[in-house]
Protein backbone atom coordinates (compact mmCIF):
# COMPACT_ATOMS: atom_id res chain seq x y z
CA MET A 1 140.58 260.25 -78.86
CA THR A 2 139.24 260.46 -75.39
CA ILE A 3 141.14 259.19 -72.19
CA THR A 4 139.44 258.71 -69.06
CA PHE A 5 141.38 257.21 -65.74
CA LEU A 6 138.75 255.30 -64.26
CA GLY A 7 141.14 254.18 -61.40
CA THR A 8 144.72 255.19 -60.61
CA GLY A 9 145.46 253.63 -57.45
CA THR A 10 147.52 250.38 -56.51
CA SER A 11 146.12 246.94 -55.30
CA GLN A 12 144.57 248.23 -51.95
CA GLY A 13 143.34 251.47 -53.41
CA VAL A 14 143.16 254.86 -51.64
CA PRO A 15 142.55 255.01 -48.67
CA VAL A 16 143.86 251.81 -47.43
CA ILE A 17 141.69 250.19 -45.03
CA ALA A 18 142.15 251.11 -41.45
CA CYS A 19 145.07 253.51 -42.23
CA ASP A 20 145.27 256.86 -40.66
CA CYS A 21 148.19 258.41 -42.72
CA PRO A 22 147.75 261.92 -43.99
CA VAL A 23 147.10 260.78 -47.39
CA CYS A 24 144.35 258.19 -46.53
CA LYS A 25 142.98 261.05 -44.47
CA SER A 26 142.78 263.49 -47.04
CA THR A 27 139.52 265.26 -48.20
CA ASP A 28 141.23 266.18 -51.56
CA PRO A 29 139.07 263.83 -54.09
CA ARG A 30 142.48 263.55 -56.02
CA ASP A 31 143.76 261.20 -53.22
CA LYS A 32 140.84 259.08 -53.75
CA ARG A 33 142.08 256.16 -55.93
CA LEU A 34 140.41 253.21 -56.93
CA ARG A 35 142.19 250.38 -58.46
CA SER A 36 144.06 251.42 -61.88
CA SER A 37 142.06 250.93 -64.94
CA ILE A 38 141.37 253.50 -68.02
CA SER A 39 138.89 253.88 -71.06
CA ILE A 40 139.80 254.81 -74.18
CA GLU A 41 137.28 256.24 -76.74
CA THR A 42 138.66 256.33 -80.47
CA ASP A 43 137.73 255.17 -83.79
CA GLY A 44 134.18 254.82 -82.88
CA GLN A 45 135.01 252.13 -80.02
CA ARG A 46 135.36 252.28 -76.26
CA ILE A 47 138.36 249.96 -74.75
CA ILE A 48 138.74 249.08 -71.41
CA ILE A 49 141.97 248.34 -69.93
CA ASP A 50 142.19 246.08 -67.09
CA CYS A 51 138.78 245.14 -64.95
CA GLY A 52 139.69 245.35 -61.42
CA PRO A 53 137.66 245.00 -58.18
CA ASP A 54 136.18 248.50 -58.76
CA PHE A 55 134.95 248.09 -62.19
CA ARG A 56 131.19 248.51 -61.15
CA GLN A 57 131.73 251.58 -59.55
CA GLN A 58 134.07 252.86 -62.29
CA MET A 59 131.26 252.18 -64.95
CA LEU A 60 128.51 253.87 -62.70
CA ARG A 61 130.44 256.88 -61.92
CA GLU A 62 131.29 257.56 -65.67
CA GLN A 63 128.07 256.31 -66.88
CA ILE A 64 129.40 253.75 -69.44
CA THR A 65 126.67 251.78 -71.25
CA SER A 66 128.72 250.01 -73.60
CA ILE A 67 132.36 248.62 -74.31
CA ASP A 68 133.78 247.02 -77.50
CA ALA A 69 136.82 245.20 -75.70
CA ILE A 70 138.84 244.58 -72.47
CA LEU A 71 142.65 244.21 -72.59
CA MET A 72 144.17 242.75 -69.60
CA THR A 73 147.32 244.04 -68.65
CA HIS A 74 148.34 241.09 -66.23
CA GLY A 75 146.41 238.31 -64.17
CA HIS A 76 146.66 240.03 -60.76
CA LYS A 77 143.48 240.30 -58.71
CA ASP A 78 143.58 244.58 -58.79
CA HIS A 79 143.47 244.16 -62.76
CA LEU A 80 140.72 241.48 -63.55
CA GLY A 81 138.88 240.74 -60.07
CA GLY A 82 135.90 242.63 -61.86
CA LEU A 83 135.10 240.74 -64.90
CA ASP A 84 132.07 239.29 -63.12
CA ASP A 85 130.30 242.61 -63.71
CA VAL A 86 130.54 242.51 -67.36
CA ARG A 87 127.23 240.79 -67.07
CA ALA A 88 125.41 243.95 -67.50
CA PHE A 89 126.97 244.77 -70.64
CA ASN A 90 126.16 241.14 -71.96
CA TYR A 91 122.68 242.05 -71.07
CA ILE A 92 122.23 245.57 -72.25
CA ASN A 93 124.38 245.22 -75.17
CA LYS A 94 123.15 241.45 -76.03
CA SER A 95 126.67 240.34 -76.89
CA PRO A 96 129.50 238.44 -74.74
CA ALA A 97 132.46 240.65 -73.55
CA HIS A 98 135.55 240.10 -75.74
CA VAL A 99 138.66 240.18 -73.14
CA TYR A 100 142.41 239.97 -74.65
CA ALA A 101 144.80 238.51 -72.31
CA ALA A 102 148.02 236.48 -72.63
CA ARG A 103 147.63 232.45 -72.10
CA GLU A 104 148.77 232.57 -68.43
CA VAL A 105 146.41 235.27 -67.90
CA GLN A 106 143.58 233.53 -69.38
CA LYS A 107 144.47 230.33 -67.07
CA MET A 108 144.06 232.66 -64.18
CA ILE A 109 140.30 234.17 -65.60
CA LYS A 110 139.01 230.71 -66.22
CA LEU A 111 140.17 229.67 -62.60
CA GLU A 112 138.97 232.69 -60.99
CA PHE A 113 135.66 232.70 -62.96
CA SER A 114 135.52 228.90 -63.56
CA TYR A 115 131.17 228.74 -63.40
CA ALA A 116 131.48 231.27 -66.55
CA PHE A 117 133.49 228.68 -68.82
CA LYS A 118 131.16 225.79 -68.09
CA LYS A 119 129.94 223.54 -70.87
CA GLU A 120 126.36 224.23 -69.33
CA PRO A 121 126.70 227.58 -67.36
CA TYR A 122 124.15 228.57 -65.20
CA PRO A 123 122.01 230.99 -66.37
CA GLY A 124 123.26 234.76 -65.94
CA VAL A 125 126.94 234.24 -65.48
CA PRO A 126 129.20 236.60 -67.54
CA GLU A 127 129.54 235.70 -71.23
CA ILE A 128 133.20 236.04 -72.05
CA ILE A 129 135.23 235.47 -75.30
CA LEU A 130 138.81 235.17 -74.43
CA HIS A 131 141.33 236.45 -77.18
CA LEU A 132 144.93 235.54 -76.77
CA LEU A 133 147.20 238.10 -76.45
CA LYS A 134 150.68 237.96 -77.84
CA ASN A 135 153.51 240.52 -78.29
CA GLU A 136 152.45 241.38 -81.92
CA PRO A 137 150.32 243.95 -83.18
CA PHE A 138 146.50 243.09 -83.43
CA TYR A 139 143.38 244.81 -85.02
CA LEU A 140 140.08 245.87 -83.44
CA ASN A 141 137.53 246.83 -85.88
CA GLY A 142 140.36 247.93 -87.82
CA LEU A 143 142.03 249.78 -84.82
CA LYS A 144 145.66 248.92 -84.32
CA ILE A 145 146.74 247.85 -81.03
CA LEU A 146 150.49 247.44 -80.59
CA PRO A 147 151.18 245.39 -77.08
CA ILE A 148 154.33 246.62 -75.11
CA HIS A 149 155.93 243.77 -73.07
CA ALA A 150 157.43 244.87 -69.64
CA LEU A 151 158.65 243.01 -66.59
CA HIS A 152 156.63 243.30 -63.36
CA PHE A 153 159.14 241.23 -61.59
CA ASN A 154 161.48 238.85 -63.50
CA LYS A 155 160.90 237.03 -67.05
CA ASN A 156 158.33 234.69 -65.37
CA LYS A 157 156.38 238.10 -64.08
CA PHE A 158 155.42 240.29 -66.95
CA VAL A 159 152.90 242.65 -68.10
CA TYR A 160 151.47 244.12 -71.45
CA GLY A 161 151.06 247.52 -72.01
CA PHE A 162 149.52 249.11 -75.03
CA ARG A 163 149.98 251.88 -77.83
CA ILE A 164 146.95 252.77 -79.74
CA HIS A 165 147.72 255.90 -81.98
CA ASP A 166 149.75 258.41 -80.34
CA PHE A 167 148.64 257.15 -76.75
CA THR A 168 150.56 254.43 -74.77
CA TYR A 169 149.67 252.85 -71.18
CA ILE A 170 151.73 251.12 -69.18
CA THR A 171 151.18 249.92 -65.44
CA ASP A 172 152.92 247.47 -63.08
CA ALA A 173 156.18 247.59 -64.71
CA VAL A 174 159.48 247.80 -63.09
CA LYS A 175 161.56 247.37 -66.43
CA ILE A 176 160.95 247.78 -70.06
CA SER A 177 163.77 246.60 -72.78
CA GLU A 178 165.26 248.54 -75.22
CA LYS A 179 163.43 246.88 -77.93
CA GLU A 180 160.10 247.72 -76.10
CA LYS A 181 160.99 251.09 -75.60
CA ARG A 182 161.08 251.62 -79.35
CA LYS A 183 157.47 250.69 -79.62
CA ILE A 184 156.48 253.70 -77.10
CA ARG A 185 158.81 256.44 -78.63
CA GLY A 186 156.87 259.23 -80.58
CA SER A 187 153.71 258.76 -78.39
CA LYS A 188 152.32 262.15 -77.55
CA ILE A 189 150.79 260.97 -74.38
CA PHE A 190 152.15 258.63 -72.02
CA VAL A 191 151.25 256.97 -68.98
CA ILE A 192 153.46 254.84 -66.78
CA ASN A 193 153.25 253.58 -63.30
CA ALA A 194 154.98 254.76 -60.30
CA LEU A 195 154.09 253.41 -56.68
CA ARG A 196 155.93 255.64 -54.32
CA LYS A 197 159.37 257.40 -54.06
CA LYS A 198 161.15 254.69 -52.32
CA LYS A 199 162.48 251.94 -54.50
CA HIS A 200 160.32 248.85 -54.99
CA TYR A 201 160.81 245.38 -56.25
CA SER A 202 158.04 245.17 -58.64
CA HIS A 203 157.14 248.42 -59.52
CA PHE A 204 158.83 251.73 -60.86
CA ASN A 205 159.33 254.29 -57.96
CA LEU A 206 158.65 257.87 -58.97
CA GLU A 207 162.49 258.65 -59.89
CA GLU A 208 162.76 255.81 -62.42
CA ALA A 209 159.08 256.75 -63.99
CA LEU A 210 160.13 260.41 -64.26
CA ASP A 211 163.57 259.10 -65.83
CA LEU A 212 161.66 257.22 -68.60
CA MET A 213 159.43 260.04 -69.36
CA GLN A 214 162.59 262.10 -69.96
CA GLU A 215 164.08 259.39 -72.11
CA ILE A 216 160.78 259.12 -74.06
CA LYS A 217 159.75 262.53 -74.21
CA PRO A 218 156.00 262.75 -74.69
CA GLU A 219 154.22 265.84 -74.93
CA ARG A 220 152.32 264.72 -71.80
CA GLY A 221 153.22 262.29 -69.26
CA PHE A 222 150.93 260.84 -66.47
CA ILE A 223 151.67 258.87 -63.46
CA THR A 224 149.24 256.07 -62.35
CA HIS A 225 149.19 253.32 -60.01
CA ILE A 226 149.93 255.29 -57.22
CA SER A 227 149.81 254.23 -53.58
CA HIS A 228 149.48 256.11 -50.17
CA GLN A 229 153.36 255.99 -49.73
CA MET A 230 153.78 258.39 -52.73
CA GLY A 231 152.10 261.22 -50.70
CA CYS A 232 149.56 263.76 -51.21
CA TYR A 233 148.55 264.93 -54.68
CA ARG A 234 148.83 268.76 -53.64
CA ASP A 235 152.50 268.26 -52.24
CA ILE A 236 153.80 265.86 -54.95
CA ASN A 237 152.51 266.91 -58.37
CA PRO A 238 154.26 270.42 -57.98
CA GLU A 239 157.33 268.47 -57.75
CA LEU A 240 157.40 267.20 -61.26
CA PRO A 241 158.29 268.09 -64.53
CA GLU A 242 156.07 270.67 -66.35
CA PHE A 243 154.86 268.23 -68.93
CA VAL A 244 154.59 265.35 -66.32
CA GLN A 245 151.47 265.28 -63.78
CA LEU A 246 149.88 262.60 -61.17
CA ALA A 247 146.76 261.06 -62.79
CA TYR A 248 143.75 261.08 -60.40
CA ASP A 249 140.31 259.24 -60.67
CA GLY A 250 137.86 260.81 -63.28
CA LEU A 251 140.79 262.64 -64.87
CA LYS A 252 139.90 263.02 -68.99
CA ILE A 253 142.55 263.77 -71.75
CA THR A 254 141.15 264.40 -75.24
CA PHE A 255 143.40 264.87 -77.98
């Protein structure tokens, strides 16, 4: 299994427009963060989790030429805003894009990209087949996908994380129930979001994410969905437990 961090930033990305803080002015490439997304290559398939506004740039950077499915964590613009660009894969792969999303997220996609779902669409619009995502296991060509339900704000604002084999990825979470944590336990690689050090109402902060890492005890842990308020990579990463590190754009993990 090969994991590629396509983006590790928050909704504004890093650097933030017009910001002159030390992080946004940093020349360290590890402080340049596109909107959060990840590529998973396993069992002869490539799965993308989330398709934000930087999707086109991410696909070009990683030279990705085909995808088998897109899994949507939730319906915020920084996670679905790039779906129009699946048109390129429609053309190259001669097939629609298969997008797995919760019912509420499907409504947002149909609203945002209404032109793609008309009965007689304009030629060249993205071809998307939506599949209903529920909090239950499903299979992609024999590959088991285990959704993990987490809160993004309250019970009406939730996200789905995903476990594939011994890899678990969750972003934009602020609370995970004990029942859902049981799905994560035993993961060798665990990726979780941490927005910044200061507490936030809808995302884990760094302390909360590290507490969860210590509870789950993966072999390796990675922090994603990082804002410029976290600090520079060179300053924050040395503060973390030995088995945890800040993820950064372009980072690849093979296990």
